[in-house]
Amino acid sequence: FVTQKIIELSLAKGISPMSPIGFVYFGSLISKRGDISSGYRYVKLALSLLDKVGRECAGEVICIATQVKIFVEPIQAALEHHNDGYAASMVTGDIFNALLNTILKDSCMYV
């Protein structure tokens, strides 16, 4: 898996700007396999790394992270994260993840 390789390289060589993507996808995978609490820890790690290594991939990380976080935190807590993901995606020119953050935010508003 590419995700596993990103995590291995991050642990062996140090954290890079792409490390949050590896951790958030790994957390999502673990959560999908039933261990939501462990997946949530990886998601929180990925979100905390965004402030340390840069926000180039913030839109994608936030899209995936909120899909795990809503199983642990109230769904309304995801709304502010989607706003942040939209803004970060627009700054980097990532239109796909900007749109995805907007759609996910809108769907959370009606729950």
Foldseek 3Di string as FASTA:
>chain_A
DVLVVLCVCCVVPHDALCNLVSLLVVLLVVVVVPPLVVSLVSLVVSVVCCVVHHLLPLLVSLLSNLVSVVVPDPLLVSLVSLVVSLVSCVVNVNVVSNVSSVVSNVVSVVD
